[in-house]
Protein backbone atom coordinates (compact mmCIF):
# COMPACT_ATOMS: atom_id res chain seq x y z
CA MET A 1 -123.26 -62.38 -141.84
CA ARG A 2 -122.97 -63.29 -138.29
CA ILE A 3 -122.96 -67.38 -138.29
CA VAL A 4 -122.70 -69.40 -134.83
CA ILE A 5 -121.59 -72.98 -135.33
CA ALA A 6 -121.92 -75.68 -132.71
CA GLY A 7 -119.03 -78.18 -132.42
CA ALA A 8 -116.64 -75.64 -133.63
CA HIS A 9 -113.65 -77.50 -132.98
CA GLY A 10 -114.83 -80.37 -135.25
CA GLN A 11 -112.75 -80.67 -138.53
CA ILE A 12 -115.54 -79.74 -141.02
CA ALA A 13 -116.50 -76.69 -138.32
CA ARG A 14 -112.99 -75.32 -138.22
CA ARG A 15 -112.95 -75.53 -142.23
CA LEU A 16 -116.18 -73.89 -142.23
CA THR A 17 -115.01 -70.95 -139.69
CA ARG A 18 -112.00 -70.30 -141.97
CA LEU A 19 -113.88 -69.92 -145.18
CA LEU A 20 -116.47 -67.64 -143.51
CA ALA A 21 -113.82 -65.58 -141.36
CA GLY A 22 -111.63 -65.16 -144.85
CA ARG A 23 -114.24 -63.55 -146.45
CA GLY A 24 -115.12 -61.19 -143.63
CA ASP A 25 -118.29 -62.84 -141.79
CA THR A 26 -118.31 -63.18 -138.20
CA VAL A 27 -118.19 -66.63 -136.62
CA VAL A 28 -119.25 -67.59 -133.17
CA GLY A 29 -117.89 -70.79 -132.11
CA ILE A 30 -119.35 -72.88 -129.53
CA VAL A 31 -117.16 -75.41 -127.90
CA ARG A 32 -117.29 -77.52 -124.58
CA ASN A 33 -113.53 -77.78 -123.98
CA PRO A 34 -112.02 -74.41 -123.05
CA ASP A 35 -108.51 -75.76 -124.18
CA HIS A 36 -109.87 -75.29 -127.73
CA THR A 37 -110.80 -71.79 -127.77
CA ALA A 38 -107.20 -70.92 -128.97
CA ASP A 39 -107.40 -72.90 -131.94
CA LEU A 40 -110.85 -71.48 -133.00
CA THR A 41 -109.40 -67.65 -132.23
CA ALA A 42 -106.68 -68.63 -134.94
CA ASP A 43 -109.32 -69.91 -137.18
CA GLY A 44 -110.84 -66.35 -136.98
CA ALA A 45 -113.79 -67.31 -134.63
CA GLU A 46 -115.10 -65.76 -131.37
CA PRO A 47 -115.03 -68.75 -129.03
CA VAL A 48 -117.97 -69.22 -126.69
CA VAL A 49 -117.38 -72.22 -123.93
CA LEU A 50 -120.59 -73.86 -123.59
CA ASP A 51 -121.41 -77.46 -123.04
CA LEU A 52 -124.51 -78.29 -124.99
CA GLU A 53 -125.34 -81.50 -123.11
CA HIS A 54 -126.12 -79.52 -120.06
CA ALA A 55 -126.88 -75.89 -121.06
CA GLY A 56 -130.37 -74.52 -121.26
CA VAL A 57 -132.28 -73.17 -123.94
CA ASP A 58 -131.94 -69.72 -122.68
CA ASP A 59 -128.27 -70.13 -122.40
CA VAL A 60 -127.91 -70.76 -125.78
CA ALA A 61 -130.39 -68.44 -127.26
CA ALA A 62 -128.08 -65.83 -125.76
CA VAL A 63 -125.49 -66.79 -127.74
CA VAL A 64 -127.22 -67.21 -131.20
CA ARG A 65 -129.77 -64.19 -130.83
CA GLY A 66 -128.71 -61.69 -133.55
CA ALA A 67 -127.17 -64.13 -135.84
CA ASP A 68 -127.82 -64.91 -139.52
CA GLY A 69 -127.50 -68.44 -139.26
CA VAL A 70 -126.76 -71.48 -136.92
CA VAL A 71 -124.63 -74.55 -137.93
CA PHE A 72 -124.78 -77.89 -135.72
CA ALA A 73 -121.67 -79.58 -136.65
CA ALA A 74 -121.22 -81.05 -133.38
CA GLY A 75 -120.75 -84.91 -132.58
CA GLY A 76 -120.19 -87.56 -129.70
CA GLY A 77 -117.03 -88.24 -131.58
CA PRO A 78 -115.78 -91.74 -132.40
CA SER A 79 -114.63 -92.77 -129.26
CA SER A 80 -117.87 -91.81 -127.20
CA GLY A 81 -120.24 -94.57 -126.45
CA ILE A 82 -123.81 -95.05 -127.19
CA ALA A 83 -125.38 -92.37 -124.07
CA ARG A 84 -123.37 -89.61 -125.76
CA LYS A 85 -124.51 -90.41 -129.52
CA ASP A 86 -128.13 -89.46 -128.11
CA SER A 87 -126.94 -86.63 -125.95
CA VAL A 88 -124.67 -84.85 -128.48
CA ASP A 89 -125.96 -85.88 -131.63
CA ARG A 90 -129.64 -85.72 -131.07
CA GLY A 91 -129.98 -83.47 -127.88
CA ALA A 92 -127.66 -80.99 -128.58
CA ALA A 93 -128.87 -80.58 -132.14
CA VAL A 94 -132.43 -80.29 -130.81
CA LEU A 95 -131.19 -77.79 -128.20
CA LEU A 96 -129.76 -75.35 -131.00
CA ALA A 97 -132.73 -75.82 -132.81
CA ASP A 98 -134.89 -74.73 -129.69
CA ALA A 99 -132.63 -71.93 -128.84
CA ALA A 100 -132.35 -70.76 -132.48
CA GLU A 101 -136.36 -70.65 -132.67
CA ALA A 102 -136.33 -68.88 -129.23
CA ALA A 103 -134.15 -66.26 -130.68
CA GLY A 104 -135.75 -65.61 -133.70
CA VAL A 105 -133.10 -67.20 -135.98
CA ARG A 106 -134.66 -69.08 -138.90
CA PRO A 107 -131.34 -70.41 -140.79
CA TYR A 108 -130.63 -73.77 -139.55
CA LEU A 109 -127.87 -76.00 -141.29
CA LEU A 110 -128.03 -79.65 -139.52
CA VAL A 111 -124.56 -81.65 -140.86
CA SER A 112 -126.06 -85.30 -140.58
CA SER A 113 -124.78 -88.61 -142.31
CA VAL A 114 -125.77 -90.59 -144.98
CA GLY A 115 -127.08 -93.96 -144.08
CA VAL A 116 -129.68 -92.59 -141.43
CA GLU A 117 -132.61 -93.88 -143.28
CA SER A 118 -131.38 -97.42 -142.84
CA VAL A 119 -132.36 -97.25 -139.00
CA ALA A 120 -135.81 -95.83 -139.93
CA ASP A 121 -138.78 -97.26 -138.04
CA GLY A 122 -136.27 -98.84 -135.83
CA ALA A 123 -134.52 -101.17 -138.44
CA THR A 124 -131.35 -102.46 -137.55
CA PRO A 125 -129.17 -102.72 -140.56
CA GLU A 126 -126.68 -106.08 -140.65
CA GLY A 127 -123.23 -105.94 -140.29
CA VAL A 128 -123.27 -102.69 -138.41
CA ASP A 129 -121.81 -102.37 -134.99
CA GLU A 130 -124.28 -101.24 -132.20
CA THR A 131 -122.18 -97.72 -131.60
CA PHE A 132 -122.77 -97.13 -135.29
CA VAL A 133 -126.34 -97.84 -135.23
CA ALA A 134 -126.73 -95.57 -132.39
CA TYR A 135 -125.26 -92.73 -134.13
CA LEU A 136 -127.35 -93.03 -137.39
CA ARG A 137 -130.59 -93.30 -134.88
CA ALA A 138 -129.25 -90.03 -133.06
CA LYS A 139 -128.83 -88.29 -136.57
CA LEU A 140 -132.11 -89.51 -138.01
CA ALA A 141 -134.03 -88.34 -134.39
CA ALA A 142 -132.24 -85.09 -134.68
CA GLU A 143 -133.53 -84.45 -138.34
CA GLU A 144 -136.75 -85.49 -137.34
CA ALA A 145 -137.15 -83.22 -134.43
CA VAL A 146 -135.95 -79.83 -136.20
CA LEU A 147 -137.27 -80.52 -139.65
CA PRO A 148 -141.08 -79.55 -139.07
CA ARG A 149 -140.60 -76.37 -137.39
CA PRO A 150 -142.60 -73.38 -138.65
CA GLY A 151 -140.10 -71.18 -136.86
CA LEU A 152 -137.08 -72.69 -138.74
CA ASP A 153 -135.65 -72.64 -142.19
CA VAL A 154 -133.49 -76.08 -142.01
CA THR A 155 -131.54 -77.69 -144.36
CA VAL A 156 -130.16 -81.02 -143.58
CA VAL A 157 -127.08 -82.27 -145.25
CA ARG A 158 -125.73 -85.94 -145.20
CA PRO A 159 -122.49 -86.35 -146.50
CA VAL A 160 -120.75 -89.70 -147.46
CA THR A 161 -117.29 -91.18 -146.16
CA LEU A 162 -115.50 -87.96 -145.46
CA THR A 163 -111.58 -87.71 -146.43
CA ASP A 164 -108.91 -85.15 -145.46
CA ASP A 165 -107.87 -84.98 -149.31
CA PRO A 166 -107.70 -81.35 -150.57
CA GLY A 167 -110.95 -79.94 -151.98
CA THR A 168 -112.03 -80.18 -155.65
CA GLY A 169 -114.60 -77.48 -155.16
CA ARG A 170 -117.14 -80.08 -157.33
CA VAL A 171 -119.56 -82.18 -155.77
CA GLU A 172 -122.71 -84.29 -156.30
CA LEU A 173 -125.77 -82.99 -154.20
CA ALA A 174 -129.12 -84.59 -154.44
CA ARG A 175 -131.74 -86.10 -152.58
CA THR A 176 -130.00 -89.81 -152.87
CA VAL A 177 -126.50 -90.16 -154.26
CA GLN A 178 -124.40 -93.30 -154.28
CA ARG A 179 -121.95 -94.02 -151.67
CA GLY A 180 -118.57 -92.84 -152.31
CA GLU A 181 -116.13 -90.14 -150.80
CA VAL A 182 -116.45 -86.27 -150.20
CA THR A 183 -113.42 -84.28 -148.57
CA ARG A 184 -114.33 -82.33 -145.69
CA ASP A 185 -113.17 -78.96 -147.56
CA ASP A 186 -115.96 -79.54 -150.16
CA VAL A 187 -118.56 -80.17 -147.34
CA ALA A 188 -117.24 -77.12 -145.80
CA ALA A 189 -117.71 -75.21 -148.95
CA VAL A 190 -121.25 -76.73 -149.60
CA LEU A 191 -122.13 -75.30 -146.28
CA VAL A 192 -121.09 -71.47 -146.97
CA ALA A 193 -123.10 -71.74 -150.32
CA LEU A 194 -125.99 -73.18 -148.36
CA LEU A 195 -125.62 -70.01 -145.90
CA ASP A 196 -125.65 -67.85 -148.45
CA GLU A 197 -128.69 -69.35 -150.43
CA PRO A 198 -131.98 -67.83 -149.30
CA LYS A 199 -134.10 -70.95 -150.38
CA THR A 200 -133.76 -73.74 -147.63
CA GLY A 201 -135.68 -76.75 -146.73
CA ALA A 202 -133.89 -79.37 -148.54
CA VAL A 203 -132.64 -82.90 -147.26
CA VAL A 204 -129.46 -83.50 -149.56
CA GLU A 205 -126.98 -86.31 -149.65
CA LEU A 206 -123.37 -85.11 -150.52
CA ARG A 207 -120.50 -86.63 -152.18
CA GLY A 208 -117.51 -85.74 -154.58
CA GLY A 209 -118.69 -85.34 -157.95
CA ASP A 210 -118.29 -83.05 -161.28
CA THR A 211 -120.56 -79.97 -160.59
CA PRO A 212 -119.05 -76.82 -159.06
CA VAL A 213 -120.08 -76.13 -155.33
CA THR A 214 -122.41 -73.07 -156.10
CA GLU A 215 -124.11 -74.74 -158.89
CA ALA A 216 -124.99 -78.25 -157.26
CA VAL A 217 -126.26 -76.07 -154.30
CA ALA A 218 -128.56 -73.81 -156.61
CA ALA A 219 -129.75 -76.90 -158.67
CA VAL A 220 -130.76 -78.73 -155.43
CA LEU A 221 -132.74 -76.20 -153.99
């Protein structure tokens, strides 16, 4: 497969790249910072420097054309302000969807976040700082912008709290899950299994669990 990953220098994205490249897939990694290209090359990806906050649909479509799927794993980062939550976590996700649709690439995986439903209909959850609320709103807006598209086969993954512990290969994947933790290794493994799965269209939450990844993905789809 040829897979294009937006936000390819992120922690989940780099794990995903190594898994895909390790089994012989072609990975194209989109990054904003040219200083990150060496890391992507070491991971086994073909780096493309492109700023998704300022690129146009045609620019991105030229990168994704001919791919077997795209993955949006970008984010403004924990130190970014409210404005970049919108321009990256929402705007860049929508741009990638527009580009994939224009290029005729249907499979689209969106890495979102558990908790987005807490800000639905303009709600503001108690005890959450305004920057994280903006992050959740941007993620929810991205989901709402890409899900109803007839030209895309979208799957949304909402992980719970992420850890850097070694992956277990076992997860819980369902429409809703209890709060908890999941390793970034296991999130990447779930994304690989979803890319391999012909069925799409789910919005699922993900946490560590007892079910082998491939079985969990097959069951939820």
